[in-house]
Amino acid sequence: MEGKTKSKDTLKKLYKTVEGSVNLITIYPERYTETIPKLLNILIEDEKMFGIYVSLNKPYKSLVEILKKEKVDASKLLIIDMISGTPEKRTDHKRCIYVDSPQNLTDLSITLSEAISALEERKKFVIIDSLSTFTLYNQDDPVIKFVHFLVTKMQVKNIKLILLTSKGDLSTELISTIAQFADNVTTIKGGES
């Protein structure tokens, strides 16, 4: 299913998908920051889901500040912070798990498995923010293998998976390959309200 989204209502329609669905969202850079809180509010408030948010773009502290400002209930999220780097830069918090580097896909796989098991809630989602950043630290083949592993795991466990990417950051070939794994492929264009 391909579509261009224009509003939060359109996001709601697209993401009232079945549990276990795989959703690839390409977001134009000028819409990236505003889209994430909207999407999280739909999942948390409207769909009453609990989630795991894998952050490769913002450290835990910055992300939580943004979510608080946008009135997103971060208590319903477990955040995996892959960008804070060294332990000196980290904040100790029970809703955050640190993985040392976006290059470490094996550690992320293990951490995600443990985090999914720790979330006792029935309706769960996982957001990867973003595939674009993975490709800065990894070659395409390991990223494709990781995404395939993740897709299979989420489908088996009936967990909604949302893969985010910034428009223009991934090669057409990589997007095409990853899109084959997705149930829904959506682009959020710039300049729309």
Protein backbone atom coordinates (compact mmCIF):
# COMPACT_ATOMS: atom_id res chain seq x y z
CA MET A 1 0.00 0.00 0.00
CA GLU A 2 1.61 3.27 -1.09
CA GLY A 3 0.33 6.66 -0.14
CA LYS A 4 1.22 10.28 0.41
CA THR A 5 0.12 11.54 3.82
CA LYS A 6 -1.22 15.03 4.33
CA SER A 7 -2.37 15.05 7.95
CA LYS A 8 -2.56 13.29 11.27
CA ASP A 9 -5.91 11.83 10.14
CA THR A 10 -4.20 10.15 7.20
CA LEU A 11 -1.50 8.79 9.52
CA LYS A 12 -4.25 7.39 11.74
CA LYS A 13 -5.86 5.57 8.83
CA LEU A 14 -2.56 4.16 7.62
CA TYR A 15 -1.40 2.97 11.00
CA LYS A 16 -4.56 1.44 12.32
CA THR A 17 -3.05 -1.63 10.75
CA VAL A 18 -3.08 -5.09 12.19
CA GLU A 19 -0.63 -6.09 14.87
CA GLY A 20 2.38 -7.78 13.34
CA SER A 21 2.34 -5.48 10.34
CA VAL A 22 5.52 -3.99 8.92
CA ASN A 23 5.37 -0.31 7.98
CA LEU A 24 8.06 1.57 6.07
CA ILE A 25 7.69 5.35 6.30
CA THR A 26 9.85 7.68 4.24
CA ILE A 27 9.64 11.22 5.59
CA TYR A 28 10.80 14.38 3.85
CA PRO A 29 13.44 16.04 6.08
CA GLU A 30 11.37 19.17 6.78
CA ARG A 31 8.56 16.99 8.21
CA TYR A 32 10.68 14.50 10.14
CA THR A 33 10.67 16.15 13.58
CA GLU A 34 6.94 16.91 13.61
CA THR A 35 5.86 13.51 12.28
CA ILE A 36 7.39 11.35 15.01
CA PRO A 37 5.38 12.78 17.96
CA LYS A 38 2.18 12.57 15.89
CA LEU A 39 2.87 8.94 15.07
CA LEU A 40 3.71 8.11 18.69
CA ASN A 41 0.52 9.77 19.94
CA ILE A 42 -1.54 7.72 17.51
CA LEU A 43 0.07 4.49 18.66
CA ILE A 44 0.09 5.29 22.39
CA GLU A 45 -3.10 7.32 22.87
CA ASP A 46 -5.40 6.17 20.09
CA GLU A 47 -4.34 2.54 19.71
CA LYS A 48 -3.45 2.08 23.42
CA MET A 49 -0.13 0.44 22.59
CA PHE A 50 3.18 0.25 24.42
CA GLY A 51 6.34 0.53 22.45
CA ILE A 52 10.05 0.27 22.01
CA TYR A 53 11.65 3.23 20.29
CA VAL A 54 15.13 2.61 18.87
CA SER A 55 16.80 6.01 18.57
CA LEU A 56 19.78 6.45 16.30
CA ASN A 57 19.29 10.19 15.87
CA LYS A 58 18.68 11.70 19.29
CA PRO A 59 20.05 10.82 22.71
CA TYR A 60 17.53 9.69 25.32
CA LYS A 61 17.50 12.99 27.21
CA SER A 62 16.87 15.11 24.09
CA LEU A 63 14.23 12.72 22.78
CA VAL A 64 12.29 12.71 26.05
CA GLU A 65 12.34 16.53 26.16
CA ILE A 66 10.87 16.68 22.65
CA LEU A 67 8.21 14.10 23.50
CA LYS A 68 7.28 15.93 26.69
CA LYS A 69 6.95 19.22 24.79
CA GLU A 70 4.70 17.49 22.23
CA LYS A 71 2.62 15.83 25.00
CA VAL A 72 3.61 12.26 24.16
CA ASP A 73 3.30 9.87 27.11
CA ALA A 74 6.90 8.63 27.24
CA SER A 75 6.03 6.36 30.19
CA LYS A 76 4.55 3.98 27.59
CA LEU A 77 7.88 3.78 25.77
CA LEU A 78 11.07 1.89 26.35
CA ILE A 79 13.80 3.78 24.53
CA ILE A 80 16.89 2.10 23.16
CA ASP A 81 19.50 4.84 22.81
CA MET A 82 22.19 3.99 20.29
CA ILE A 83 23.65 7.46 19.94
CA SER A 84 24.75 8.63 23.41
CA GLY A 85 28.09 6.89 23.09
CA THR A 86 30.26 6.68 26.19
CA PRO A 87 28.80 5.97 29.65
CA GLU A 88 29.77 9.48 30.80
CA LYS A 89 27.20 10.95 28.41
CA ARG A 90 24.37 8.70 29.58
CA THR A 91 21.46 9.35 31.89
CA ASP A 92 20.44 6.52 34.20
CA HIS A 93 16.74 5.87 33.69
CA LYS A 94 14.57 2.75 33.94
CA ARG A 95 12.85 3.49 30.60
CA CYS A 96 16.13 3.61 28.66
CA ILE A 97 18.58 0.96 27.52
CA TYR A 98 21.87 1.91 25.90
CA VAL A 99 23.56 0.13 23.02
CA ASP A 100 27.09 1.34 22.39
CA SER A 101 26.98 2.01 18.67
CA PRO A 102 24.72 1.92 15.58
CA GLN A 103 27.35 -0.46 14.14
CA ASN A 104 26.49 -3.07 16.73
CA LEU A 105 23.50 -4.78 15.13
CA THR A 106 24.07 -7.99 17.11
CA ASP A 107 23.80 -6.18 20.46
CA LEU A 108 20.73 -4.34 19.21
CA SER A 109 19.10 -7.66 18.22
CA ILE A 110 19.75 -9.10 21.69
CA THR A 111 18.60 -5.92 23.43
CA LEU A 112 15.41 -5.79 21.37
CA SER A 113 14.61 -9.43 22.17
CA GLU A 114 15.08 -8.75 25.89
CA ALA A 115 13.07 -5.52 25.74
CA ILE A 116 10.17 -7.20 23.93
CA SER A 117 10.09 -9.93 26.57
CA ALA A 118 10.16 -7.31 29.34
CA LEU A 119 7.11 -5.48 27.96
CA GLU A 120 4.20 -7.42 29.38
CA GLU A 121 1.55 -5.41 27.58
CA ARG A 122 -0.28 -7.18 24.79
CA LYS A 123 -0.35 -4.53 22.07
CA LYS A 124 3.22 -3.59 21.24
CA PHE A 125 5.10 -1.70 18.58
CA VAL A 126 8.73 -1.15 17.68
CA ILE A 127 9.95 1.97 15.88
CA ILE A 128 13.38 2.13 14.28
CA ASP A 129 14.48 5.78 13.92
CA SER A 130 16.09 5.56 11.48
CA LEU A 131 17.26 3.20 8.77
CA SER A 132 19.11 6.15 7.24
CA THR A 133 21.42 6.34 10.25
CA PHE A 134 22.11 2.58 10.19
CA THR A 135 23.51 2.99 6.69
CA LEU A 136 25.99 5.62 7.88
CA TYR A 137 27.57 3.03 10.17
CA ASN A 138 26.96 -0.22 8.25
CA GLN A 139 27.11 -1.53 4.70
CA ASP A 140 23.79 -2.24 2.97
CA ASP A 141 23.96 -6.06 3.28
CA PRO A 142 24.15 -6.17 7.10
CA VAL A 143 21.32 -3.61 7.29
CA ILE A 144 19.15 -5.71 4.95
CA LYS A 145 19.87 -8.87 6.97
CA PHE A 146 19.09 -7.04 10.22
CA VAL A 147 15.80 -5.66 8.85
CA HIS A 148 14.82 -9.10 7.56
CA PHE A 149 15.59 -10.64 10.97
CA LEU A 150 13.59 -7.89 12.68
CA VAL A 151 10.61 -8.20 10.32
CA THR A 152 10.44 -11.96 10.85
CA LYS A 153 10.72 -11.63 14.64
CA MET A 154 8.00 -8.95 14.83
CA GLN A 155 5.61 -10.90 12.62
CA VAL A 156 6.08 -14.08 14.65
CA LYS A 157 5.51 -12.17 17.89
CA ASN A 158 2.61 -10.17 16.39
CA ILE A 159 4.27 -6.80 17.05
CA LYS A 160 3.73 -3.77 14.82
CA LEU A 161 7.05 -2.65 13.29
CA ILE A 162 7.63 0.85 11.96
CA LEU A 163 10.80 1.58 10.02
CA LEU A 164 11.52 5.27 9.52
CA THR A 165 13.82 6.80 6.95
CA SER A 166 14.49 10.29 5.72
CA LYS A 167 13.71 10.97 2.06
CA GLY A 168 16.83 10.84 -0.10
CA ASP A 169 19.07 9.21 2.51
CA LEU A 170 18.82 5.62 1.25
CA SER A 171 19.59 4.33 -2.21
CA THR A 172 16.63 3.41 -4.39
CA GLU A 173 17.92 -0.17 -4.43
CA LEU A 174 18.02 -0.40 -0.62
CA ILE A 175 14.55 1.15 -0.25
CA SER A 176 13.18 -1.28 -2.87
CA THR A 177 14.68 -4.26 -1.06
CA ILE A 178 13.37 -3.21 2.35
CA ALA A 179 9.96 -2.31 0.87
CA GLN A 180 9.58 -5.96 -0.17
CA PHE A 181 9.44 -6.87 3.53
CA ALA A 182 6.80 -4.23 4.33
CA ASP A 183 3.02 -4.50 4.43
CA ASN A 184 2.66 -0.73 4.09
CA VAL A 185 4.97 1.76 2.37
CA THR A 186 4.20 5.44 2.91
CA THR A 187 5.84 8.76 2.07
CA ILE A 188 5.22 11.86 4.15
CA LYS A 189 5.93 14.72 1.82
CA GLY A 190 7.30 18.14 2.67
CA GLY A 191 5.19 21.27 2.61
CA GLU A 192 1.90 19.50 3.40
CA SER A 193 -0.27 20.30 6.38
